[in-house]
Amino acid sequence: MVEYEACIMGIRAAIERKIKVLEVYGDFALVIYQLKGKWETRDPKLINYRKLVLELIKEFDDITFCYLPRDENQMVDALATLASMIRVNKQEDVKPIQISIYEAPAHFYNIKKDEEKDYHPWYHDILRYVRNREYPDQATENDKRTLRRLASDYVLEGKILYKRRNDQVLLICVDVVEAKKILEEDHEGVCGTHANVSQWPGKS
């Protein structure tokens, strides 16, 4: 029923915006194929939901229902991640979320197996500079300039290093072991199967 309710909410939102041609993507095969008319709706609890959807789609010139496997539904992954980050007061209005889609990730850090043998985390040089203003051994002048530029975006509080985003939000830096622990918790936690974090950048 939850999947039907989500579908109805989306269709009604499209109607309010006077959209006439709509493609509906869903990762719940039962709902999609029932609405396409390929599967029979036998559950009494779902019959009325389907009837309501069929009434609503009369408002469109053309509407298509497409099944999208969950592991390919990146938008659901993104929304599930956002939902886990936001706390909403029921007495307050929820402001709409504007989402921009980029072809390339904003930041990417690949965790390799051989890094587990390295006792220094990926941010070791940055941490050392922020803490003691020390440069790596044999660093060239260009290396030093680059390190100073990178370090300007990082903040050290006690023993924890944070990266400051443009919106001033602080992101904690984690090493390979901590990153793997976070991955395991996300796969087993509130995001469940919606969380596609196999390419987690190695830090939050």
N, C-alpha and C. Protein backbone atom coordinates (compact mmCIF):
# COMPACT_ATOMS: atom_id res chain seq x y z
N MET A 1 0.82 -1.20 0.00
CA MET A 1 0.00 0.00 0.00
C MET A 1 0.86 1.26 0.00
N VAL A 2 1.99 1.19 0.67
CA VAL A 2 2.86 2.35 0.73
C VAL A 2 3.32 2.75 -0.67
N GLU A 3 3.63 1.74 -1.50
CA GLU A 3 4.09 2.03 -2.86
C GLU A 3 2.99 2.69 -3.68
N TYR A 4 1.75 2.24 -3.51
CA TYR A 4 0.63 2.86 -4.22
C TYR A 4 0.44 4.30 -3.74
N GLU A 5 0.55 4.52 -2.43
CA GLU A 5 0.37 5.86 -1.88
C GLU A 5 1.44 6.81 -2.41
N ALA A 6 2.67 6.32 -2.52
CA ALA A 6 3.74 7.15 -3.05
C ALA A 6 3.48 7.49 -4.52
N CYS A 7 2.97 6.51 -5.25
CA CYS A 7 2.64 6.72 -6.67
C CYS A 7 1.53 7.76 -6.81
N ILE A 8 0.52 7.65 -5.98
CA ILE A 8 -0.61 8.59 -6.03
C ILE A 8 -0.15 10.00 -5.70
N MET A 9 0.69 10.14 -4.69
CA MET A 9 1.21 11.46 -4.33
C MET A 9 1.97 12.08 -5.48
N GLY A 10 2.81 11.28 -6.15
CA GLY A 10 3.58 11.80 -7.27
C GLY A 10 2.70 12.21 -8.44
N ILE A 11 1.68 11.40 -8.72
CA ILE A 11 0.77 11.72 -9.83
C ILE A 11 -0.02 12.99 -9.53
N ARG A 12 -0.49 13.11 -8.29
CA ARG A 12 -1.24 14.32 -7.92
C ARG A 12 -0.36 15.57 -8.00
N ALA A 13 0.90 15.43 -7.62
CA ALA A 13 1.83 16.56 -7.72
C ALA A 13 2.00 16.97 -9.18
N ALA A 14 2.07 16.00 -10.08
CA ALA A 14 2.20 16.30 -11.51
C ALA A 14 0.94 16.98 -12.04
N ILE A 15 -0.21 16.53 -11.56
CA ILE A 15 -1.48 17.14 -11.99
C ILE A 15 -1.55 18.60 -11.55
N GLU A 16 -1.14 18.86 -10.30
CA GLU A 16 -1.15 20.23 -9.79
C GLU A 16 -0.27 21.15 -10.62
N ARG A 17 0.79 20.58 -11.19
CA ARG A 17 1.71 21.39 -12.01
C ARG A 17 1.31 21.39 -13.48
N LYS A 18 0.12 20.84 -13.74
CA LYS A 18 -0.47 20.83 -15.09
C LYS A 18 0.41 20.11 -16.11
N ILE A 19 1.10 19.07 -15.65
CA ILE A 19 1.90 18.25 -16.54
C ILE A 19 0.97 17.31 -17.31
N LYS A 20 1.16 17.18 -18.61
CA LYS A 20 0.27 16.37 -19.44
C LYS A 20 0.90 15.09 -19.96
N VAL A 21 2.22 15.05 -20.01
CA VAL A 21 2.92 13.84 -20.46
C VAL A 21 3.85 13.42 -19.32
N LEU A 22 3.68 12.18 -18.84
CA LEU A 22 4.40 11.77 -17.64
C LEU A 22 4.91 10.34 -17.77
N GLU A 23 6.15 10.13 -17.31
CA GLU A 23 6.71 8.78 -17.20
C GLU A 23 6.90 8.48 -15.72
N VAL A 24 6.30 7.41 -15.25
CA VAL A 24 6.37 7.03 -13.85
C VAL A 24 7.31 5.84 -13.72
N TYR A 25 8.37 5.99 -12.92
CA TYR A 25 9.32 4.91 -12.68
C TYR A 25 9.16 4.39 -11.26
N GLY A 26 9.11 3.08 -11.10
CA GLY A 26 8.99 2.49 -9.78
C GLY A 26 9.79 1.21 -9.67
N ASP A 27 10.28 0.93 -8.45
CA ASP A 27 11.07 -0.29 -8.26
C ASP A 27 10.28 -1.39 -7.57
N PHE A 28 8.96 -1.19 -7.46
CA PHE A 28 8.11 -2.22 -6.88
C PHE A 28 7.30 -2.85 -8.03
N ALA A 29 7.72 -4.01 -8.48
CA ALA A 29 7.17 -4.62 -9.69
C ALA A 29 5.66 -4.84 -9.60
N LEU A 30 5.16 -5.23 -8.43
CA LEU A 30 3.74 -5.51 -8.27
C LEU A 30 2.88 -4.32 -8.68
N VAL A 31 3.23 -3.14 -8.16
CA VAL A 31 2.45 -1.93 -8.46
C VAL A 31 2.55 -1.56 -9.93
N ILE A 32 3.76 -1.55 -10.45
CA ILE A 32 3.97 -1.12 -11.84
C ILE A 32 3.22 -2.01 -12.82
N TYR A 33 3.35 -3.33 -12.65
CA TYR A 33 2.72 -4.24 -13.60
C TYR A 33 1.21 -4.32 -13.41
N GLN A 34 0.71 -4.04 -12.21
CA GLN A 34 -0.74 -3.94 -12.03
C GLN A 34 -1.28 -2.72 -12.76
N LEU A 35 -0.58 -1.61 -12.67
CA LEU A 35 -1.02 -0.39 -13.34
C LEU A 35 -0.88 -0.49 -14.85
N LYS A 36 0.07 -1.27 -15.31
CA LYS A 36 0.22 -1.50 -16.75
C LYS A 36 -0.82 -2.47 -17.27
N GLY A 37 -1.52 -3.14 -16.35
CA GLY A 37 -2.55 -4.10 -16.74
C GLY A 37 -2.02 -5.47 -17.06
N LYS A 38 -0.76 -5.72 -16.76
CA LYS A 38 -0.17 -7.03 -17.07
C LYS A 38 -0.40 -8.03 -15.94
N TRP A 39 -0.59 -7.51 -14.72
CA TRP A 39 -0.86 -8.39 -13.58
C TRP A 39 -2.22 -8.06 -13.00
N GLU A 40 -2.90 -9.09 -12.57
CA GLU A 40 -4.23 -8.91 -11.99
C GLU A 40 -4.10 -8.44 -10.54
N THR A 41 -5.01 -7.54 -10.14
CA THR A 41 -5.03 -7.04 -8.77
C THR A 41 -6.05 -7.84 -7.98
N ARG A 42 -5.57 -8.70 -7.11
CA ARG A 42 -6.46 -9.58 -6.34
C ARG A 42 -6.62 -9.14 -4.89
N ASP A 43 -5.62 -8.50 -4.36
CA ASP A 43 -5.68 -8.07 -2.96
C ASP A 43 -6.74 -6.98 -2.81
N PRO A 44 -7.77 -7.22 -2.00
CA PRO A 44 -8.85 -6.23 -1.82
C PRO A 44 -8.33 -4.87 -1.36
N LYS A 45 -7.25 -4.87 -0.60
CA LYS A 45 -6.71 -3.60 -0.10
C LYS A 45 -6.08 -2.78 -1.21
N LEU A 46 -5.69 -3.42 -2.30
CA LEU A 46 -5.02 -2.71 -3.38
C LEU A 46 -5.96 -2.31 -4.51
N ILE A 47 -7.13 -2.94 -4.56
CA ILE A 47 -8.07 -2.68 -5.66
C ILE A 47 -8.47 -1.21 -5.71
N ASN A 48 -8.82 -0.65 -4.54
CA ASN A 48 -9.25 0.75 -4.51
C ASN A 48 -8.10 1.70 -4.85
N TYR A 49 -6.89 1.34 -4.44
CA TYR A 49 -5.74 2.16 -4.79
C TYR A 49 -5.55 2.20 -6.30
N ARG A 50 -5.66 1.04 -6.93
CA ARG A 50 -5.48 0.97 -8.38
C ARG A 50 -6.58 1.77 -9.09
N LYS A 51 -7.83 1.66 -8.59
CA LYS A 51 -8.94 2.41 -9.20
C LYS A 51 -8.68 3.91 -9.12
N LEU A 52 -8.15 4.36 -7.98
CA LEU A 52 -7.87 5.78 -7.83
C LEU A 52 -6.80 6.24 -8.81
N VAL A 53 -5.76 5.44 -8.96
CA VAL A 53 -4.70 5.79 -9.91
C VAL A 53 -5.25 5.87 -11.33
N LEU A 54 -6.09 4.90 -11.70
CA LEU A 54 -6.67 4.89 -13.05
C LEU A 54 -7.57 6.10 -13.29
N GLU A 55 -8.19 6.61 -12.24
CA GLU A 55 -8.99 7.83 -12.37
C GLU A 55 -8.09 9.04 -12.55
N LEU A 56 -7.01 9.08 -11.79
CA LEU A 56 -6.10 10.23 -11.85
C LEU A 56 -5.39 10.34 -13.19
N ILE A 57 -5.05 9.20 -13.79
CA ILE A 57 -4.26 9.25 -15.04
C ILE A 57 -5.09 9.75 -16.22
N LYS A 58 -6.39 9.89 -16.04
CA LYS A 58 -7.23 10.46 -17.10
C LYS A 58 -6.90 11.93 -17.33
N GLU A 59 -6.21 12.54 -16.36
CA GLU A 59 -5.85 13.96 -16.48
C GLU A 59 -4.67 14.17 -17.44
N PHE A 60 -4.04 13.09 -17.87
CA PHE A 60 -2.85 13.20 -18.71
C PHE A 60 -3.15 12.85 -20.17
N ASP A 61 -2.42 13.49 -21.06
CA ASP A 61 -2.51 13.13 -22.47
C ASP A 61 -1.80 11.81 -22.73
N ASP A 62 -0.72 11.60 -21.99
CA ASP A 62 0.04 10.36 -22.14
C ASP A 62 0.77 10.07 -20.83
N ILE A 63 0.65 8.86 -20.33
CA ILE A 63 1.34 8.47 -19.12
C ILE A 63 1.87 7.05 -19.27
N THR A 64 3.10 6.82 -18.86
CA THR A 64 3.75 5.52 -19.01
C THR A 64 4.29 5.06 -17.67
N PHE A 65 4.06 3.80 -17.35
CA PHE A 65 4.58 3.22 -16.12
C PHE A 65 5.74 2.30 -16.47
N CYS A 66 6.88 2.53 -15.84
CA CYS A 66 8.09 1.78 -16.17
C CYS A 66 8.68 1.16 -14.90
N TYR A 67 8.98 -0.12 -14.99
CA TYR A 67 9.61 -0.80 -13.85
C TYR A 67 11.11 -0.57 -13.89
N LEU A 68 11.67 -0.12 -12.76
CA LEU A 68 13.10 0.13 -12.64
C LEU A 68 13.62 -0.65 -11.44
N PRO A 69 14.47 -1.66 -11.66
CA PRO A 69 14.99 -2.44 -10.53
C PRO A 69 15.60 -1.56 -9.46
N ARG A 70 15.44 -1.96 -8.21
CA ARG A 70 15.87 -1.14 -7.09
C ARG A 70 17.35 -0.80 -7.14
N ASP A 71 18.19 -1.76 -7.57
CA ASP A 71 19.63 -1.49 -7.58
C ASP A 71 20.02 -0.52 -8.70
N GLU A 72 19.08 -0.19 -9.59
CA GLU A 72 19.35 0.79 -10.64
C GLU A 72 18.68 2.14 -10.36
N ASN A 73 17.90 2.19 -9.28
CA ASN A 73 17.14 3.39 -8.98
C ASN A 73 17.96 4.32 -8.10
N GLN A 74 18.84 5.08 -8.70
CA GLN A 74 19.74 5.95 -7.96
C GLN A 74 18.99 7.09 -7.27
N MET A 75 17.87 7.53 -7.84
CA MET A 75 17.13 8.61 -7.23
C MET A 75 16.56 8.19 -5.88
N VAL A 76 16.07 6.94 -5.79
CA VAL A 76 15.58 6.45 -4.51
C VAL A 76 16.70 6.39 -3.49
N ASP A 77 17.89 5.97 -3.94
CA ASP A 77 19.04 5.93 -3.05
C ASP A 77 19.33 7.32 -2.49
N ALA A 78 19.30 8.31 -3.38
CA ALA A 78 19.60 9.68 -2.95
C ALA A 78 18.55 10.19 -1.97
N LEU A 79 17.28 9.94 -2.27
CA LEU A 79 16.21 10.41 -1.39
C LEU A 79 16.24 9.69 -0.04
N ALA A 80 16.57 8.39 -0.06
CA ALA A 80 16.65 7.65 1.20
C ALA A 80 17.78 8.20 2.07
N THR A 81 18.89 8.56 1.42
CA THR A 81 20.00 9.15 2.16
C THR A 81 19.60 10.51 2.75
N LEU A 82 18.91 11.33 1.94
CA LEU A 82 18.45 12.63 2.44
C LEU A 82 17.48 12.46 3.60
N ALA A 83 16.57 11.50 3.47
CA ALA A 83 15.57 11.29 4.51
C ALA A 83 16.22 10.90 5.83
N SER A 84 17.31 10.15 5.76
CA SER A 84 17.99 9.72 6.99
C SER A 84 18.75 10.87 7.64
N MET A 85 18.95 11.97 6.91
CA MET A 85 19.73 13.10 7.42
C MET A 85 18.85 14.23 7.97
N ILE A 86 17.56 14.21 7.63
CA ILE A 86 16.70 15.35 7.95
C ILE A 86 15.72 14.99 9.06
N ARG A 87 15.62 15.89 10.03
CA ARG A 87 14.63 15.74 11.08
C ARG A 87 13.56 16.82 10.90
N VAL A 88 12.32 16.41 10.86
CA VAL A 88 11.23 17.34 10.57
C VAL A 88 10.31 17.45 11.78
N ASN A 89 10.01 18.68 12.17
CA ASN A 89 9.01 18.93 13.20
C ASN A 89 7.64 18.86 12.56
N LYS A 90 6.78 18.01 13.10
CA LYS A 90 5.47 17.79 12.48
C LYS A 90 4.63 19.06 12.43
N GLN A 91 4.93 20.02 13.30
CA GLN A 91 4.16 21.26 13.34
C GLN A 91 4.68 22.30 12.36
N GLU A 92 5.77 21.99 11.71
CA GLU A 92 6.35 22.92 10.75
C GLU A 92 6.11 22.45 9.33
N ASP A 93 6.03 23.41 8.42
CA ASP A 93 5.88 23.07 7.01
C ASP A 93 7.22 22.57 6.47
N VAL A 94 7.17 21.55 5.64
CA VAL A 94 8.39 21.01 5.05
C VAL A 94 8.67 21.76 3.75
N LYS A 95 9.81 22.39 3.68
CA LYS A 95 10.16 23.13 2.48
C LYS A 95 10.58 22.15 1.38
N PRO A 96 10.27 22.45 0.12
CA PRO A 96 10.65 21.55 -0.97
C PRO A 96 12.16 21.44 -1.10
N ILE A 97 12.63 20.26 -1.50
CA ILE A 97 14.05 20.01 -1.69
C ILE A 97 14.39 20.14 -3.17
N GLN A 98 15.35 20.98 -3.48
CA GLN A 98 15.80 21.13 -4.86
C GLN A 98 16.99 20.21 -5.09
N ILE A 99 16.89 19.36 -6.09
CA ILE A 99 17.93 18.37 -6.37
C ILE A 99 18.56 18.66 -7.72
N SER A 100 19.88 18.74 -7.74
CA SER A 100 20.63 18.89 -8.98
C SER A 100 21.39 17.61 -9.25
N ILE A 101 21.37 17.15 -10.48
CA ILE A 101 22.03 15.91 -10.85
C ILE A 101 23.28 16.23 -11.67
N TYR A 102 24.41 15.73 -11.22
CA TYR A 102 25.67 15.96 -11.93
C TYR A 102 26.16 14.64 -12.52
N GLU A 103 26.83 14.75 -13.67
CA GLU A 103 27.33 13.56 -14.34
C GLU A 103 28.50 12.92 -13.60
N ALA A 104 29.25 13.73 -12.88
CA ALA A 104 30.43 13.22 -12.15
C ALA A 104 30.25 13.50 -10.67
N PRO A 105 30.78 12.64 -9.79
CA PRO A 105 30.66 12.87 -8.35
C PRO A 105 31.41 14.14 -7.94
N ALA A 106 30.89 14.83 -6.91
CA ALA A 106 31.54 16.04 -6.43
C ALA A 106 32.91 15.73 -5.84
N HIS A 107 33.02 14.57 -5.22
CA HIS A 107 34.31 14.15 -4.66
C HIS A 107 34.35 12.64 -4.66
N PHE A 108 35.50 12.09 -4.99
CA PHE A 108 35.61 10.63 -5.04
C PHE A 108 36.95 10.22 -4.47
N TYR A 109 36.90 9.24 -3.57
CA TYR A 109 38.14 8.71 -3.02
C TYR A 109 38.00 7.19 -3.01
N ASN A 110 38.83 6.53 -3.77
CA ASN A 110 38.72 5.09 -3.94
C ASN A 110 39.53 4.36 -2.87
N ILE A 111 38.87 3.46 -2.16
CA ILE A 111 39.55 2.66 -1.14
C ILE A 111 40.07 1.39 -1.78
N LYS A 112 41.36 1.20 -1.79
CA LYS A 112 41.96 0.02 -2.38
C LYS A 112 42.34 -0.96 -1.27
N LYS A 113 42.40 -2.23 -1.63
CA LYS A 113 42.72 -3.26 -0.64
C LYS A 113 44.08 -3.04 -0.02
N ASP A 114 45.05 -2.62 -0.84
CA ASP A 114 46.40 -2.49 -0.30
C ASP A 114 46.53 -1.31 0.66
N GLU A 115 45.52 -0.44 0.71
CA GLU A 115 45.58 0.68 1.63
C GLU A 115 45.43 0.23 3.07
N GLU A 116 44.83 -0.94 3.26
CA GLU A 116 44.64 -1.45 4.61
C GLU A 116 46.00 -1.72 5.27
N LYS A 117 47.03 -1.95 4.46
CA LYS A 117 48.36 -2.22 4.99
C LYS A 117 49.10 -0.94 5.35
N ASP A 118 48.55 0.20 4.90
CA ASP A 118 49.18 1.48 5.15
C ASP A 118 48.67 2.01 6.50
N TYR A 119 49.59 2.31 7.40
CA TYR A 119 49.19 2.77 8.72
C TYR A 119 48.73 4.23 8.70
N HIS A 120 49.01 4.94 7.62
CA HIS A 120 48.61 6.34 7.53
C HIS A 120 47.29 6.46 6.76
N PRO A 121 46.31 7.19 7.28
CA PRO A 121 45.06 7.40 6.54
C PRO A 121 45.29 8.33 5.36
N TRP A 122 44.33 8.43 4.47
CA TRP A 122 44.46 9.25 3.27
C TRP A 122 44.71 10.72 3.60
N TYR A 123 44.25 11.17 4.75
CA TYR A 123 44.36 12.58 5.12
C TYR A 123 45.57 12.85 6.04
N HIS A 124 46.52 11.92 6.09
CA HIS A 124 47.65 12.02 7.02
C HIS A 124 48.44 13.32 6.84
N ASP A 125 48.80 13.65 5.60
CA ASP A 125 49.60 14.85 5.35
C ASP A 125 48.83 16.11 5.72
N ILE A 126 47.53 16.12 5.42
CA ILE A 126 46.70 17.29 5.76
C ILE A 126 46.61 17.44 7.27
N LEU A 127 46.39 16.34 7.97
CA LEU A 127 46.29 16.37 9.42
C LEU A 127 47.59 16.88 10.05
N ARG A 128 48.72 16.40 9.55
CA ARG A 128 50.00 16.81 10.11
C ARG A 128 50.25 18.30 9.89
N TYR A 129 49.83 18.79 8.71
CA TYR A 129 50.04 20.21 8.45
C TYR A 129 49.12 21.06 9.32
N VAL A 130 47.84 20.68 9.41
CA VAL A 130 46.89 21.45 10.23
C VAL A 130 47.31 21.45 11.69
N ARG A 131 47.82 20.33 12.16
CA ARG A 131 48.19 20.20 13.58
C ARG A 131 49.53 20.89 13.89
N ASN A 132 50.55 20.63 13.06
CA ASN A 132 51.90 21.09 13.40
C ASN A 132 52.55 21.98 12.35
N ARG A 133 51.81 22.25 11.26
CA ARG A 133 52.37 23.02 10.15
C ARG A 133 53.62 22.34 9.59
N GLU A 134 53.59 21.02 9.52
CA GLU A 134 54.71 20.26 9.00
C GLU A 134 54.39 19.74 7.59
N TYR A 135 55.42 19.69 6.74
CA TYR A 135 55.26 19.18 5.39
C TYR A 135 55.81 17.76 5.30
N PRO A 136 55.36 17.00 4.30
CA PRO A 136 55.92 15.65 4.09
C PRO A 136 57.41 15.75 3.74
N ASP A 137 58.12 14.70 4.04
CA ASP A 137 59.53 14.66 3.68
C ASP A 137 59.68 14.74 2.16
N GLN A 138 60.68 15.47 1.70
CA GLN A 138 61.00 15.62 0.28
C GLN A 138 59.89 16.32 -0.51
N ALA A 139 59.04 17.08 0.18
CA ALA A 139 57.99 17.83 -0.51
C ALA A 139 58.60 19.01 -1.27
N THR A 140 58.17 19.20 -2.52
CA THR A 140 58.65 20.33 -3.31
C THR A 140 57.85 21.58 -2.92
N GLU A 141 58.29 22.73 -3.43
CA GLU A 141 57.57 23.96 -3.14
C GLU A 141 56.14 23.90 -3.69
N ASN A 142 56.01 23.27 -4.84
CA ASN A 142 54.66 23.12 -5.42
C ASN A 142 53.80 22.23 -4.53
N ASP A 143 54.41 21.15 -4.01
CA ASP A 143 53.68 20.26 -3.10
C ASP A 143 53.22 21.01 -1.86
N LYS A 144 54.08 21.86 -1.36
CA LYS A 144 53.75 22.61 -0.15
C LYS A 144 52.61 23.58 -0.41
N ARG A 145 52.64 24.25 -1.56
CA ARG A 145 51.55 25.18 -1.89
C ARG A 145 50.24 24.43 -2.00
N THR A 146 50.28 23.27 -2.65
CA THR A 146 49.06 22.46 -2.81
C THR A 146 48.53 22.02 -1.47
N LEU A 147 49.41 21.59 -0.59
CA LEU A 147 48.99 21.14 0.73
C LEU A 147 48.38 22.28 1.54
N ARG A 148 48.98 23.46 1.46
CA ARG A 148 48.42 24.62 2.18
C ARG A 148 47.03 24.95 1.67
N ARG A 149 46.85 24.86 0.36
CA ARG A 149 45.53 25.16 -0.23
C ARG A 149 44.50 24.13 0.23
N LEU A 150 44.88 22.86 0.20
CA LEU A 150 43.95 21.82 0.65
C LEU A 150 43.62 21.95 2.13
N ALA A 151 44.63 22.22 2.93
CA ALA A 151 44.46 22.27 4.37
C ALA A 151 43.56 23.41 4.82
N SER A 152 43.41 24.44 3.98
CA SER A 152 42.58 25.58 4.36
C SER A 152 41.11 25.20 4.51
N ASP A 153 40.72 24.06 3.95
CA ASP A 153 39.33 23.60 4.04
C ASP A 153 39.10 22.63 5.18
N TYR A 154 40.12 22.41 6.00
CA TYR A 154 40.02 21.41 7.08
C TYR A 154 40.14 22.07 8.45
N VAL A 155 39.43 21.46 9.41
CA VAL A 155 39.42 21.97 10.79
C VAL A 155 39.74 20.83 11.73
N LEU A 156 40.61 21.08 12.70
CA LEU A 156 40.97 20.07 13.68
C LEU A 156 40.34 20.42 15.03
N GLU A 157 39.55 19.49 15.55
CA GLU A 157 38.96 19.66 16.88
C GLU A 157 39.38 18.47 17.72
N GLY A 158 40.29 18.72 18.65
CA GLY A 158 40.84 17.63 19.43
C GLY A 158 41.66 16.72 18.53
N LYS A 159 41.26 15.46 18.46
CA LYS A 159 41.95 14.50 17.60
C LYS A 159 41.19 14.23 16.30
N ILE A 160 40.06 14.92 16.11
CA ILE A 160 39.20 14.66 14.94
C ILE A 160 39.39 15.74 13.89
N LEU A 161 39.63 15.30 12.65
CA LEU A 161 39.78 16.21 11.52
C LEU A 161 38.48 16.29 10.75
N TYR A 162 38.07 17.52 10.44
CA TYR A 162 36.84 17.75 9.67
C TYR A 162 37.17 18.50 8.39
N LYS A 163 36.38 18.22 7.35
CA LYS A 163 36.47 19.01 6.12
C LYS A 163 35.29 19.97 6.08
N ARG A 164 35.54 21.23 5.87
CA ARG A 164 34.50 22.24 5.84
C ARG A 164 33.99 22.40 4.41
N ARG A 165 32.69 22.16 4.23
CA ARG A 165 32.08 22.35 2.91
C ARG A 165 31.84 23.83 2.66
N ASN A 166 31.39 24.14 1.44
CA ASN A 166 31.11 25.54 1.09
C ASN A 166 29.97 26.12 1.92
N ASP A 167 29.04 25.25 2.37
CA ASP A 167 27.93 25.72 3.19
C ASP A 167 28.26 25.69 4.68
N GLN A 168 29.56 25.51 5.00
CA GLN A 168 30.09 25.51 6.36
C GLN A 168 29.74 24.26 7.16
N VAL A 169 29.13 23.26 6.53
CA VAL A 169 28.89 21.99 7.20
C VAL A 169 30.21 21.25 7.33
N LEU A 170 30.47 20.66 8.49
CA LEU A 170 31.72 19.94 8.73
C LEU A 170 31.52 18.45 8.51
N LEU A 171 32.41 17.86 7.71
CA LEU A 171 32.35 16.43 7.43
C LEU A 171 33.53 15.74 8.12
N ILE A 172 33.26 14.75 8.93
CA ILE A 172 34.32 14.08 9.64
C ILE A 172 35.14 13.21 8.69
N CYS A 173 36.45 13.21 8.84
CA CYS A 173 37.33 12.41 8.00
C CYS A 173 37.56 11.06 8.68
N VAL A 174 37.45 9.99 7.93
CA VAL A 174 37.61 8.65 8.49
C VAL A 174 38.63 7.87 7.67
N ASP A 175 39.26 6.89 8.33
CA ASP A 175 40.24 6.06 7.63
C ASP A 175 39.54 4.84 7.03
N VAL A 176 40.33 3.93 6.46
CA VAL A 176 39.78 2.76 5.76
C VAL A 176 38.94 1.89 6.69
N VAL A 177 39.45 1.65 7.91
CA VAL A 177 38.73 0.78 8.85
C VAL A 177 37.39 1.40 9.22
N GLU A 178 37.39 2.70 9.53
CA GLU A 178 36.15 3.38 9.90
C GLU A 178 35.18 3.43 8.73
N ALA A 179 35.71 3.63 7.52
CA ALA A 179 34.86 3.69 6.33
C ALA A 179 34.14 2.37 6.11
N LYS A 180 34.86 1.26 6.28
CA LYS A 180 34.24 -0.06 6.11
C LYS A 180 33.16 -0.30 7.15
N LYS A 181 33.42 0.17 8.37
CA LYS A 181 32.42 0.02 9.43
C LYS A 181 31.16 0.80 9.10
N ILE A 182 31.33 2.01 8.56
CA ILE A 182 30.19 2.83 8.16
C ILE A 182 29.41 2.16 7.04
N LEU A 183 30.13 1.60 6.07
CA LEU A 183 29.48 0.88 4.97
C LEU A 183 28.62 -0.25 5.49
N GLU A 184 29.16 -1.03 6.40
CA GLU A 184 28.43 -2.17 6.94
C GLU A 184 27.20 -1.71 7.70
N GLU A 185 27.32 -0.63 8.48
CA GLU A 185 26.18 -0.12 9.24
C GLU A 185 25.10 0.43 8.31
N ASP A 186 25.52 1.08 7.20
CA ASP A 186 24.52 1.62 6.26
C ASP A 186 23.77 0.50 5.56
N HIS A 187 24.49 -0.57 5.19
CA HIS A 187 23.84 -1.69 4.51
C HIS A 187 22.83 -2.38 5.42
N GLU A 188 23.12 -2.40 6.72
CA GLU A 188 22.26 -3.10 7.66
C GLU A 188 21.32 -2.17 8.39
N GLY A 189 21.47 -0.86 8.22
CA GLY A 189 20.71 0.10 9.02
C GLY A 189 19.45 0.60 8.35
N VAL A 190 19.08 1.89 8.65
CA VAL A 190 17.79 2.43 8.24
C VAL A 190 17.64 2.52 6.73
N CYS A 191 18.75 2.69 6.01
CA CYS A 191 18.64 2.81 4.55
C CYS A 191 18.36 1.46 3.90
N GLY A 192 18.76 0.38 4.55
CA GLY A 192 18.46 -0.96 4.06
C GLY A 192 18.89 -1.16 2.63
N THR A 193 18.02 -1.81 1.85
CA THR A 193 18.37 -2.11 0.47
C THR A 193 18.35 -0.89 -0.41
N HIS A 194 17.82 0.23 0.09
CA HIS A 194 17.81 1.44 -0.73
C HIS A 194 19.18 2.08 -0.82
N ALA A 195 20.05 1.80 0.14
CA ALA A 195 21.33 2.50 0.19
C ALA A 195 22.35 1.85 -0.72
N ASN A 196 22.66 2.52 -1.81
CA ASN A 196 23.66 2.01 -2.74
C ASN A 196 24.96 2.75 -2.46
N VAL A 197 25.76 2.22 -1.54
CA VAL A 197 26.96 2.92 -1.12
C VAL A 197 28.22 2.12 -1.43
N SER A 198 28.17 1.29 -2.47
CA SER A 198 29.33 0.47 -2.79
C SER A 198 30.51 1.31 -3.25
N GLN A 199 30.25 2.57 -3.65
CA GLN A 199 31.35 3.45 -4.07
C GLN A 199 31.49 4.60 -3.11
N TRP A 200 31.28 4.32 -1.82
CA TRP A 200 31.49 5.31 -0.77
C TRP A 200 32.89 5.89 -0.89
N PRO A 201 33.04 7.23 -0.79
CA PRO A 201 34.33 7.84 -1.07
C PRO A 201 35.38 7.64 -0.01
N GLY A 202 35.12 6.89 1.02
CA GLY A 202 36.14 6.66 2.01
C GLY A 202 36.09 7.63 3.16
N LYS A 203 35.14 8.55 3.11
CA LYS A 203 34.95 9.50 4.20
C LYS A 203 33.54 10.03 4.11
N SER A 204 33.03 10.57 5.22
CA SER A 204 31.69 11.13 5.20
C SER A 204 31.74 12.58 4.80
